[in-house]
Amino acid sequence: MSTKRGWLVALALGALMTGCASTGTQVSASSDSYKTLAKSQQAWCSTFGNTCTCAIDGMKTTCSLVYACVSSGNCRTAAQ
C-alpha cells in the first residue's frame, strides 16, 4: 500500500514541477488582477526571496503565479 502511495506522490510532484514556469521567467501582464496579485506577494518575497525567482512587470513573484498568468492568456514573455 505504501509503495502505491509513494508512486502517486511522485507522479503528483512531477506534474507540479513540469507545470511551473522556469526559474527567472519574466512576463508582462495585460490583466490588472495578476499585477495586483504580484504586488501582494512582495511582502512574502522579501521574507522568502528564494521562492520568488520569476517576475510580472518587474515585480518578483512566485513562478507558479507567472505560470497561471501565462496559462490564462493574461501574460506574455517580456522582451529581454
N, C-alpha and C. Protein backbone atom coordinates (compact mmCIF):
# COMPACT_ATOMS: atom_id res chain seq x y z
N MET A 1 0.81 -1.19 0.00
CA MET A 1 0.00 0.00 0.00
C MET A 1 0.86 1.26 0.00
N SER A 2 1.97 1.27 0.79
CA SER A 2 2.81 2.45 0.86
C SER A 2 3.56 2.68 -0.46
N THR A 3 3.87 1.62 -1.19
CA THR A 3 4.52 1.76 -2.49
C THR A 3 3.59 2.47 -3.47
N LYS A 4 2.32 2.11 -3.44
CA LYS A 4 1.35 2.75 -4.31
C LYS A 4 1.23 4.23 -3.98
N ARG A 5 1.20 4.54 -2.68
CA ARG A 5 1.10 5.94 -2.26
C ARG A 5 2.35 6.71 -2.69
N GLY A 6 3.51 6.08 -2.58
CA GLY A 6 4.76 6.71 -3.00
C GLY A 6 4.77 7.06 -4.47
N TRP A 7 4.26 6.15 -5.28
CA TRP A 7 4.18 6.41 -6.72
C TRP A 7 3.22 7.56 -7.02
N LEU A 8 2.11 7.60 -6.30
CA LEU A 8 1.16 8.69 -6.51
C LEU A 8 1.75 10.04 -6.12
N VAL A 9 2.48 10.08 -5.02
CA VAL A 9 3.14 11.32 -4.60
C VAL A 9 4.18 11.74 -5.63
N ALA A 10 4.98 10.79 -6.10
CA ALA A 10 5.99 11.10 -7.11
C ALA A 10 5.36 11.61 -8.40
N LEU A 11 4.27 11.00 -8.80
CA LEU A 11 3.57 11.44 -10.00
C LEU A 11 3.01 12.85 -9.83
N ALA A 12 2.42 13.12 -8.68
CA ALA A 12 1.86 14.45 -8.42
C ALA A 12 2.96 15.51 -8.41
N LEU A 13 4.08 15.22 -7.75
CA LEU A 13 5.18 16.17 -7.72
C LEU A 13 5.76 16.40 -9.11
N GLY A 14 5.86 15.35 -9.89
CA GLY A 14 6.34 15.51 -11.26
C GLY A 14 5.43 16.39 -12.09
N ALA A 15 4.13 16.22 -11.92
CA ALA A 15 3.18 17.05 -12.66
C ALA A 15 3.29 18.51 -12.24
N LEU A 16 3.48 18.74 -10.95
CA LEU A 16 3.63 20.11 -10.48
C LEU A 16 4.90 20.74 -11.00
N MET A 17 5.97 19.98 -11.02
CA MET A 17 7.25 20.53 -11.47
C MET A 17 7.22 20.87 -12.95
N THR A 18 6.58 20.06 -13.76
CA THR A 18 6.53 20.34 -15.19
C THR A 18 5.53 21.43 -15.50
N GLY A 19 4.60 21.71 -14.60
CA GLY A 19 3.58 22.71 -14.83
C GLY A 19 3.97 24.10 -14.40
N CYS A 20 5.20 24.29 -13.93
CA CYS A 20 5.62 25.60 -13.43
C CYS A 20 6.46 26.32 -14.47
N ALA A 21 6.40 27.64 -14.40
CA ALA A 21 7.28 28.44 -15.24
C ALA A 21 8.71 28.20 -14.77
N SER A 22 9.64 28.26 -15.69
CA SER A 22 11.03 28.02 -15.29
C SER A 22 11.57 29.22 -14.52
N THR A 23 12.54 28.95 -13.70
CA THR A 23 13.16 29.97 -12.86
C THR A 23 13.65 31.12 -13.71
N GLY A 24 13.39 32.33 -13.27
CA GLY A 24 13.85 33.52 -13.98
C GLY A 24 12.92 34.00 -15.07
N THR A 25 11.77 33.39 -15.22
CA THR A 25 10.83 33.81 -16.26
C THR A 25 10.30 35.21 -15.95
N GLN A 26 10.37 36.08 -16.93
CA GLN A 26 9.87 37.45 -16.80
C GLN A 26 8.73 37.63 -17.79
N VAL A 27 7.60 38.11 -17.29
CA VAL A 27 6.44 38.30 -18.16
C VAL A 27 5.86 39.69 -17.97
N SER A 28 5.05 40.07 -18.93
CA SER A 28 4.31 41.32 -18.89
C SER A 28 2.83 40.97 -18.85
N ALA A 29 2.11 41.53 -17.88
CA ALA A 29 0.70 41.20 -17.69
C ALA A 29 -0.21 42.20 -18.38
N SER A 30 -1.26 41.69 -19.01
CA SER A 30 -2.28 42.55 -19.59
C SER A 30 -3.47 42.66 -18.64
N SER A 31 -3.42 41.95 -17.53
CA SER A 31 -4.52 41.92 -16.57
C SER A 31 -4.09 42.61 -15.27
N ASP A 32 -4.91 43.55 -14.82
CA ASP A 32 -4.63 44.22 -13.54
C ASP A 32 -4.70 43.24 -12.37
N SER A 33 -5.49 42.19 -12.51
CA SER A 33 -5.62 41.22 -11.43
C SER A 33 -4.29 40.55 -11.14
N TYR A 34 -3.57 40.13 -12.16
CA TYR A 34 -2.29 39.47 -11.95
C TYR A 34 -1.24 40.46 -11.45
N LYS A 35 -1.31 41.71 -11.88
CA LYS A 35 -0.40 42.73 -11.36
C LYS A 35 -0.65 42.94 -9.87
N THR A 36 -1.91 42.95 -9.47
CA THR A 36 -2.26 43.11 -8.06
C THR A 36 -1.80 41.91 -7.25
N LEU A 37 -1.98 40.71 -7.79
CA LEU A 37 -1.51 39.51 -7.09
C LEU A 37 0.00 39.52 -6.91
N ALA A 38 0.73 39.94 -7.95
CA ALA A 38 2.19 40.03 -7.86
C ALA A 38 2.58 41.06 -6.81
N LYS A 39 1.88 42.18 -6.78
CA LYS A 39 2.17 43.21 -5.79
C LYS A 39 1.90 42.71 -4.37
N SER A 40 0.84 41.92 -4.21
CA SER A 40 0.51 41.41 -2.88
C SER A 40 1.53 40.38 -2.39
N GLN A 41 2.31 39.79 -3.30
CA GLN A 41 3.31 38.81 -2.91
C GLN A 41 4.65 39.46 -2.53
N GLN A 42 4.75 40.77 -2.63
CA GLN A 42 6.03 41.43 -2.36
C GLN A 42 6.50 41.22 -0.92
N ALA A 43 5.60 41.25 0.05
CA ALA A 43 6.00 41.02 1.45
C ALA A 43 6.52 39.59 1.61
N TRP A 44 5.83 38.64 1.00
CA TRP A 44 6.26 37.24 1.03
C TRP A 44 7.64 37.11 0.40
N CYS A 45 7.83 37.74 -0.75
CA CYS A 45 9.09 37.63 -1.47
C CYS A 45 10.24 38.28 -0.71
N SER A 46 9.97 39.34 0.03
CA SER A 46 11.05 39.96 0.80
C SER A 46 11.47 39.07 1.96
N THR A 47 10.55 38.24 2.46
CA THR A 47 10.86 37.33 3.55
C THR A 47 11.46 36.02 3.04
N PHE A 48 10.87 35.48 1.99
CA PHE A 48 11.29 34.20 1.43
C PHE A 48 11.74 34.39 -0.01
N GLY A 49 12.80 35.14 -0.21
CA GLY A 49 13.27 35.51 -1.54
C GLY A 49 13.60 34.34 -2.44
N ASN A 50 13.99 33.21 -1.87
CA ASN A 50 14.36 32.04 -2.68
C ASN A 50 13.18 31.49 -3.45
N THR A 51 11.96 31.78 -3.01
CA THR A 51 10.78 31.24 -3.68
C THR A 51 10.26 32.17 -4.77
N CYS A 52 10.84 33.35 -4.88
CA CYS A 52 10.37 34.35 -5.86
C CYS A 52 11.44 34.60 -6.91
N THR A 53 11.52 33.70 -7.87
CA THR A 53 12.57 33.80 -8.87
C THR A 53 12.04 34.19 -10.24
N CYS A 54 10.75 34.48 -10.33
CA CYS A 54 10.14 34.93 -11.57
C CYS A 54 9.60 36.34 -11.35
N ALA A 55 9.12 36.99 -12.40
CA ALA A 55 8.65 38.36 -12.25
C ALA A 55 7.49 38.65 -13.19
N ILE A 56 6.56 39.47 -12.70
CA ILE A 56 5.47 40.01 -13.52
C ILE A 56 5.65 41.52 -13.52
N ASP A 57 5.86 42.09 -14.68
CA ASP A 57 6.09 43.52 -14.84
C ASP A 57 7.15 44.05 -13.88
N GLY A 58 8.23 43.29 -13.74
CA GLY A 58 9.35 43.71 -12.92
C GLY A 58 9.20 43.43 -11.43
N MET A 59 8.04 42.96 -10.99
CA MET A 59 7.83 42.63 -9.59
C MET A 59 8.15 41.17 -9.36
N LYS A 60 9.11 40.88 -8.48
CA LYS A 60 9.45 39.49 -8.19
C LYS A 60 8.24 38.79 -7.60
N THR A 61 8.01 37.58 -8.07
CA THR A 61 6.87 36.79 -7.62
C THR A 61 7.18 35.31 -7.77
N THR A 62 6.26 34.47 -7.36
CA THR A 62 6.48 33.04 -7.49
C THR A 62 6.28 32.62 -8.94
N CYS A 63 7.00 31.59 -9.33
CA CYS A 63 6.89 31.09 -10.70
C CYS A 63 5.52 30.45 -10.94
N SER A 64 4.87 29.95 -9.89
CA SER A 64 3.54 29.38 -10.07
C SER A 64 2.53 30.45 -10.45
N LEU A 65 2.67 31.67 -9.92
CA LEU A 65 1.78 32.76 -10.31
C LEU A 65 2.04 33.15 -11.76
N VAL A 66 3.30 33.19 -12.15
CA VAL A 66 3.65 33.50 -13.54
C VAL A 66 3.07 32.44 -14.47
N TYR A 67 3.20 31.17 -14.10
CA TYR A 67 2.65 30.10 -14.92
C TYR A 67 1.13 30.25 -15.06
N ALA A 68 0.45 30.55 -13.97
CA ALA A 68 -1.00 30.73 -14.02
C ALA A 68 -1.38 31.89 -14.93
N CYS A 69 -0.62 32.95 -14.85
CA CYS A 69 -0.88 34.13 -15.69
C CYS A 69 -0.69 33.81 -17.18
N VAL A 70 0.41 33.13 -17.49
CA VAL A 70 0.68 32.76 -18.89
C VAL A 70 -0.38 31.77 -19.39
N SER A 71 -0.71 30.79 -18.56
CA SER A 71 -1.69 29.77 -18.96
C SER A 71 -3.07 30.36 -19.21
N SER A 72 -3.41 31.40 -18.47
CA SER A 72 -4.73 32.02 -18.64
C SER A 72 -4.76 32.98 -19.83
N GLY A 73 -3.59 33.25 -20.41
CA GLY A 73 -3.53 34.15 -21.55
C GLY A 73 -3.42 35.61 -21.17
N ASN A 74 -3.19 35.88 -19.89
CA ASN A 74 -3.09 37.27 -19.42
C ASN A 74 -1.66 37.78 -19.33
N CYS A 75 -0.68 36.95 -19.64
CA CYS A 75 0.73 37.37 -19.61
C CYS A 75 1.44 36.86 -20.85
N ARG A 76 2.41 37.65 -21.26
CA ARG A 76 3.28 37.27 -22.36
C ARG A 76 4.72 37.42 -21.87
N THR A 77 5.61 36.60 -22.41
CA THR A 77 7.01 36.68 -22.04
C THR A 77 7.53 38.07 -22.36
N ALA A 78 8.20 38.68 -21.39
CA ALA A 78 8.73 40.03 -21.56
C ALA A 78 9.96 39.99 -22.44
N ALA A 79 10.15 41.03 -23.22
CA ALA A 79 11.36 41.14 -24.05
C ALA A 79 12.55 41.38 -23.16
N GLN A 80 13.61 40.66 -23.40
CA GLN A 80 14.83 40.78 -22.59
C GLN A 80 15.68 41.91 -23.07
